[in-house]
Amino acid sequence: MNRIAIVGSGGSGKSHLARDLAKLLDAPVTHLDAVFFDDEWNPLPPEKFEAAQRELVAEPQWVIDGNYNSSLHVRLQACDTVVMMDVPTWAALWGIFSRQARHGAGQHTAGVYNRIHWGVITYVATYRRRMRPKVLAKINEFASGKNVVFLTSRAQTRRWLEKVAASR
């Protein structure tokens, strides 16, 4: 594993896994929210965002977390491993609210980007029904033949990280 794309619902543990995995693999980590949003939460134009990702994935080793379905194909084509954080809706909702309680709102170090509003809550609450099928279709289309890992709980994620660490 040298080039890992981590996808899944908000609150599923993508950023936490990305930091831990990058540390284990001694690889650079990128949280796409930090690329997409500036300090005032202004989004990068789509063409610049995709270009920034193309630069990131040109590197020999990386861990990138984030969804951004419109440019997911860039990461999926370049990665050797896809990790789908496929947690239940209640766990993802718990994740966004517990992160808010731990870190507060705003952008912080270590990949924490909190901005909870009704749109975020709705996105997380409907992710499995609305967005997950689109993400799975892109994984099938652009990551065929690559290592795809589905992690369905925080406990399973911890066990998988332990397994990765043991194989190093």
C-alpha atoms as a PDB file:
ATOM      1  CA  MET A   1       0.000   0.000   0.000  1.00  0.00           C
ATOM      2  CA  ASN A   2       1.534   3.231  -1.169  1.00  0.00           C
ATOM      3  CA  ARG A   3      -1.354   5.263  -2.520  1.00  0.00           C
ATOM      4  CA  ILE A   4      -4.496   5.087  -0.410  1.00  0.00           C
ATOM      5  CA  ALA A   5      -7.817   6.823  -1.061  1.00  0.00           C
ATOM      6  CA  ILE A   6     -10.142   6.879   1.953  1.00  0.00           C
ATOM      7  CA  VAL A   7     -13.821   7.582   1.284  1.00  0.00           C
ATOM      8  CA  GLY A   8     -17.053   7.424   3.253  1.00  0.00           C
ATOM      9  CA  SER A   9     -19.630   9.505   5.018  1.00  0.00           C
ATOM     10  CA  GLY A  10     -18.793  12.520   7.102  1.00  0.00           C
ATOM     11  CA  GLY A  11     -18.243  11.378  10.688  1.00  0.00           C
ATOM     12  CA  SER A  12     -17.206   7.867   9.612  1.00  0.00           C
ATOM     13  CA  GLY A  13     -13.613   8.234  10.789  1.00  0.00           C
ATOM     14  CA  LYS A  14     -11.871   9.006   7.481  1.00  0.00           C
ATOM     15  CA  SER A  15      -9.536  11.693   8.834  1.00  0.00           C
ATOM     16  CA  HIS A  16      -8.637   9.729  11.943  1.00  0.00           C
ATOM     17  CA  LEU A  17      -7.840   6.642   9.866  1.00  0.00           C
ATOM     18  CA  ALA A  18      -5.869   8.735   7.361  1.00  0.00           C
ATOM     19  CA  ARG A  19      -3.646  10.177  10.106  1.00  0.00           C
ATOM     20  CA  ASP A  20      -3.047   6.777  11.730  1.00  0.00           C
ATOM     21  CA  LEU A  21      -2.415   5.010   8.430  1.00  0.00           C
ATOM     22  CA  ALA A  22      -0.061   7.725   7.175  1.00  0.00           C
ATOM     23  CA  LYS A  23       1.917   7.469  10.401  1.00  0.00           C
ATOM     24  CA  LEU A  24       2.152   3.680  10.074  1.00  0.00           C
ATOM     25  CA  LEU A  25       3.244   3.878   6.438  1.00  0.00           C
ATOM     26  CA  ASP A  26       5.402   6.990   6.875  1.00  0.00           C
ATOM     27  CA  ALA A  27       3.402   8.587   4.058  1.00  0.00           C
ATOM     28  CA  PRO A  28       2.138  12.130   3.558  1.00  0.00           C
ATOM     29  CA  VAL A  29      -1.521  12.635   4.440  1.00  0.00           C
ATOM     30  CA  THR A  30      -3.931  15.052   2.792  1.00  0.00           C
ATOM     31  CA  HIS A  31      -7.379  15.908   4.094  1.00  0.00           C
ATOM     32  CA  LEU A  32      -9.315  17.141   1.078  1.00  0.00           C
ATOM     33  CA  ASP A  33     -11.370  19.570   3.144  1.00  0.00           C
ATOM     34  CA  ALA A  34      -8.119  21.477   3.731  1.00  0.00           C
ATOM     35  CA  VAL A  35      -7.526  21.650  -0.023  1.00  0.00           C
ATOM     36  CA  PHE A  36     -11.121  22.504  -0.943  1.00  0.00           C
ATOM     37  CA  PHE A  37     -11.851  25.182   1.687  1.00  0.00           C
ATOM     38  CA  ASP A  38      -9.833  28.243   2.641  1.00  0.00           C
ATOM     39  CA  ASP A  39      -9.814  29.740   6.164  1.00  0.00           C
ATOM     40  CA  GLU A  40     -13.109  31.507   5.476  1.00  0.00           C
ATOM     41  CA  TRP A  41     -14.782  28.292   4.198  1.00  0.00           C
ATOM     42  CA  ASN A  42     -14.690  29.490   0.593  1.00  0.00           C
ATOM     43  CA  PRO A  43     -14.527  26.535  -1.828  1.00  0.00           C
ATOM     44  CA  LEU A  44     -11.897  26.151  -4.496  1.00  0.00           C
ATOM     45  CA  PRO A  45     -13.329  26.263  -8.036  1.00  0.00           C
ATOM     46  CA  PRO A  46     -13.905  22.706  -9.359  1.00  0.00           C
ATOM     47  CA  GLU A  47     -11.208  22.845 -12.062  1.00  0.00           C
ATOM     48  CA  LYS A  48      -8.585  24.092  -9.567  1.00  0.00           C
ATOM     49  CA  PHE A  49      -9.644  21.481  -7.023  1.00  0.00           C
ATOM     50  CA  GLU A  50      -9.272  18.675  -9.557  1.00  0.00           C
ATOM     51  CA  ALA A  51      -5.894  20.059 -10.693  1.00  0.00           C
ATOM     52  CA  ALA A  52      -4.689  20.172  -7.068  1.00  0.00           C
ATOM     53  CA  GLN A  53      -5.666  16.510  -6.665  1.00  0.00           C
ATOM     54  CA  ARG A  54      -3.869  15.538  -9.862  1.00  0.00           C
ATOM     55  CA  GLU A  55      -0.695  17.050  -8.400  1.00  0.00           C
ATOM     56  CA  LEU A  56      -1.194  15.182  -5.116  1.00  0.00           C
ATOM     57  CA  VAL A  57      -1.756  11.793  -6.741  1.00  0.00           C
ATOM     58  CA  ALA A  58       1.295  12.184  -8.974  1.00  0.00           C
ATOM     59  CA  GLU A  59       3.439  11.576  -5.898  1.00  0.00           C
ATOM     60  CA  PRO A  60       4.747   8.036  -5.265  1.00  0.00           C
ATOM     61  CA  GLN A  61       3.180   7.692  -1.812  1.00  0.00           C
ATOM     62  CA  TRP A  62       0.131   9.269  -0.181  1.00  0.00           C
ATOM     63  CA  VAL A  63      -2.961   8.876   1.957  1.00  0.00           C
ATOM     64  CA  ILE A  64      -5.862  11.114   0.941  1.00  0.00           C
ATOM     65  CA  ASP A  65      -9.180  11.274   2.751  1.00  0.00           C
ATOM     66  CA  GLY A  66     -12.381  12.863   1.535  1.00  0.00           C
ATOM     67  CA  ASN A  67     -15.335  12.227  -0.699  1.00  0.00           C
ATOM     68  CA  TYR A  68     -15.859  14.951  -3.287  1.00  0.00           C
ATOM     69  CA  ASN A  69     -17.592  12.635  -5.722  1.00  0.00           C
ATOM     70  CA  SER A  70     -17.138  14.994  -8.676  1.00  0.00           C
ATOM     71  CA  SER A  71     -13.372  14.403  -8.576  1.00  0.00           C
ATOM     72  CA  LEU A  72     -13.255  10.973  -6.938  1.00  0.00           C
ATOM     73  CA  HIS A  73     -12.172   9.404 -10.230  1.00  0.00           C
ATOM     74  CA  VAL A  74      -8.813  11.231  -9.972  1.00  0.00           C
ATOM     75  CA  ARG A  75      -7.940   9.470  -6.708  1.00  0.00           C
ATOM     76  CA  LEU A  76      -9.432   6.123  -7.669  1.00  0.00           C
ATOM     77  CA  GLN A  77      -7.483   5.909 -10.919  1.00  0.00           C
ATOM     78  CA  ALA A  78      -4.189   6.719  -9.157  1.00  0.00           C
ATOM     79  CA  CYS A  79      -4.531   4.729  -5.936  1.00  0.00           C
ATOM     80  CA  ASP A  80      -3.518   1.151  -5.251  1.00  0.00           C
ATOM     81  CA  THR A  81      -5.872   0.825  -2.264  1.00  0.00           C
ATOM     82  CA  VAL A  82      -9.349   2.196  -1.560  1.00  0.00           C
ATOM     83  CA  VAL A  83     -10.670   2.202   1.977  1.00  0.00           C
ATOM     84  CA  MET A  84     -14.432   2.658   2.194  1.00  0.00           C
ATOM     85  CA  MET A  85     -15.524   3.744   5.652  1.00  0.00           C
ATOM     86  CA  ASP A  86     -18.907   2.040   5.470  1.00  0.00           C
ATOM     87  CA  VAL A  87     -20.277   2.697   8.950  1.00  0.00           C
ATOM     88  CA  PRO A  88     -23.989   2.800   9.804  1.00  0.00           C
ATOM     89  CA  THR A  89     -25.765   6.158   9.680  1.00  0.00           C
ATOM     90  CA  TRP A  90     -26.103   6.380  13.461  1.00  0.00           C
ATOM     91  CA  ALA A  91     -22.323   5.909  13.852  1.00  0.00           C
ATOM     92  CA  ALA A  92     -21.568   8.648  11.311  1.00  0.00           C
ATOM     93  CA  LEU A  93     -24.003  11.047  12.989  1.00  0.00           C
ATOM     94  CA  TRP A  94     -22.417  10.216  16.333  1.00  0.00           C
ATOM     95  CA  GLY A  95     -19.042  10.919  14.707  1.00  0.00           C
ATOM     96  CA  ILE A  96     -19.903  14.433  13.543  1.00  0.00           C
ATOM     97  CA  PHE A  97     -21.484  15.431  16.862  1.00  0.00           C
ATOM     98  CA  SER A  98     -18.772  13.884  19.046  1.00  0.00           C
ATOM     99  CA  ARG A  99     -16.082  15.570  16.909  1.00  0.00           C
ATOM    100  CA  GLN A 100     -17.862  18.892  17.452  1.00  0.00           C
ATOM    101  CA  ALA A 101     -17.926  18.268  21.203  1.00  0.00           C
ATOM    102  CA  ARG A 102     -14.213  17.332  21.257  1.00  0.00           C
ATOM    103  CA  HIS A 103     -12.814  19.981  18.936  1.00  0.00           C
ATOM    104  CA  GLY A 104     -15.381  22.765  18.593  1.00  0.00           C
ATOM    105  CA  ALA A 105     -16.228  24.427  15.310  1.00  0.00           C
ATOM    106  CA  GLY A 106     -13.819  25.637  12.658  1.00  0.00           C
ATOM    107  CA  GLN A 107     -10.637  24.361  11.096  1.00  0.00           C
ATOM    108  CA  HIS A 108      -8.002  22.871  13.356  1.00  0.00           C
ATOM    109  CA  THR A 109      -4.720  21.069  13.026  1.00  0.00           C
ATOM    110  CA  ALA A 110      -4.519  17.348  12.323  1.00  0.00           C
ATOM    111  CA  GLY A 111      -7.286  17.304   9.732  1.00  0.00           C
ATOM    112  CA  VAL A 112     -10.253  18.345  11.843  1.00  0.00           C
ATOM    113  CA  TYR A 113     -12.678  20.489   9.872  1.00  0.00           C
ATOM    114  CA  ASN A 114     -15.918  21.107  11.742  1.00  0.00           C
ATOM    115  CA  ARG A 115     -18.766  22.998  10.270  1.00  0.00           C
ATOM    116  CA  ILE A 116     -22.015  21.434  11.341  1.00  0.00           C
ATOM    117  CA  HIS A 117     -25.162  22.910   9.871  1.00  0.00           C
ATOM    118  CA  TRP A 118     -28.413  21.420   8.631  1.00  0.00           C
ATOM    119  CA  GLY A 119     -26.908  20.599   5.209  1.00  0.00           C
ATOM    120  CA  VAL A 120     -24.099  18.563   6.820  1.00  0.00           C
ATOM    121  CA  ILE A 121     -26.529  16.712   9.081  1.00  0.00           C
ATOM    122  CA  THR A 122     -28.798  15.924   6.117  1.00  0.00           C
ATOM    123  CA  TYR A 123     -25.836  14.781   4.001  1.00  0.00           C
ATOM    124  CA  VAL A 124     -24.641  12.402   6.722  1.00  0.00           C
ATOM    125  CA  ALA A 125     -28.173  11.173   7.517  1.00  0.00           C
ATOM    126  CA  THR A 126     -28.872  10.339   3.851  1.00  0.00           C
ATOM    127  CA  TYR A 127     -25.353   9.270   2.788  1.00  0.00           C
ATOM    128  CA  ARG A 128     -26.013   5.512   2.720  1.00  0.00           C
ATOM    129  CA  ARG A 129     -29.133   5.942   0.600  1.00  0.00           C
ATOM    130  CA  ARG A 130     -28.073   8.760  -1.713  1.00  0.00           C
ATOM    131  CA  MET A 131     -24.289   9.021  -1.978  1.00  0.00           C
ATOM    132  CA  ARG A 132     -23.004   5.531  -1.134  1.00  0.00           C
ATOM    133  CA  PRO A 133     -24.393   3.974  -4.363  1.00  0.00           C
ATOM    134  CA  LYS A 134     -22.640   6.685  -6.414  1.00  0.00           C
ATOM    135  CA  VAL A 135     -19.351   6.133  -4.593  1.00  0.00           C
ATOM    136  CA  LEU A 136     -19.606   2.355  -5.017  1.00  0.00           C
ATOM    137  CA  ALA A 137     -20.329   2.802  -8.740  1.00  0.00           C
ATOM    138  CA  LYS A 138     -17.193   4.942  -9.103  1.00  0.00           C
ATOM    139  CA  ILE A 139     -15.130   2.406  -7.155  1.00  0.00           C
ATOM    140  CA  ASN A 140     -16.393  -0.314  -9.532  1.00  0.00           C
ATOM    141  CA  GLU A 141     -15.641   1.822 -12.565  1.00  0.00           C
ATOM    142  CA  PHE A 142     -12.292   3.394 -11.657  1.00  0.00           C
ATOM    143  CA  ALA A 143     -10.735   1.044  -9.085  1.00  0.00           C
ATOM    144  CA  SER A 144     -11.330  -2.299 -10.735  1.00  0.00           C
ATOM    145  CA  GLY A 145      -8.639  -4.791  -9.766  1.00  0.00           C
ATOM    146  CA  LYS A 146      -7.339  -2.655  -6.899  1.00  0.00           C
ATOM    147  CA  ASN A 147      -7.367  -3.520  -3.235  1.00  0.00           C
ATOM    148  CA  VAL A 148     -10.721  -2.313  -1.834  1.00  0.00           C
ATOM    149  CA  VAL A 149     -11.243  -2.504   1.924  1.00  0.00           C
ATOM    150  CA  PHE A 150     -14.656  -2.009   3.540  1.00  0.00           C
ATOM    151  CA  LEU A 151     -14.579  -1.005   7.206  1.00  0.00           C
ATOM    152  CA  THR A 152     -17.981  -1.069   8.877  1.00  0.00           C
ATOM    153  CA  SER A 153     -17.174  -0.027  12.450  1.00  0.00           C
ATOM    154  CA  ARG A 154     -14.568   1.753  14.518  1.00  0.00           C
ATOM    155  CA  ALA A 155     -13.626  -1.578  16.123  1.00  0.00           C
ATOM    156  CA  GLN A 156     -13.085  -3.185  12.719  1.00  0.00           C
ATOM    157  CA  THR A 157     -11.006  -0.152  11.697  1.00  0.00           C
ATOM    158  CA  ARG A 158      -8.762  -0.572  14.773  1.00  0.00           C
ATOM    159  CA  ARG A 159      -8.309  -4.289  14.012  1.00  0.00           C
ATOM    160  CA  TRP A 160      -7.459  -3.535  10.369  1.00  0.00           C
ATOM    161  CA  LEU A 161      -4.865  -0.930  11.432  1.00  0.00           C
ATOM    162  CA  GLU A 162      -3.332  -3.477  13.820  1.00  0.00           C
ATOM    163  CA  LYS A 163      -3.130  -5.964  10.953  1.00  0.00           C
ATOM    164  CA  VAL A 164      -1.472  -3.351   8.705  1.00  0.00           C
ATOM    165  CA  ALA A 165       1.008  -2.502  11.460  1.00  0.00           C
ATOM    166  CA  ALA A 166       1.834  -6.176  12.010  1.00  0.00           C
ATOM    167  CA  SER A 167       2.544  -6.678   8.314  1.00  0.00           C
ATOM    168  CA  ARG A 168       5.094  -3.849   8.139  1.00  0.00           C
END
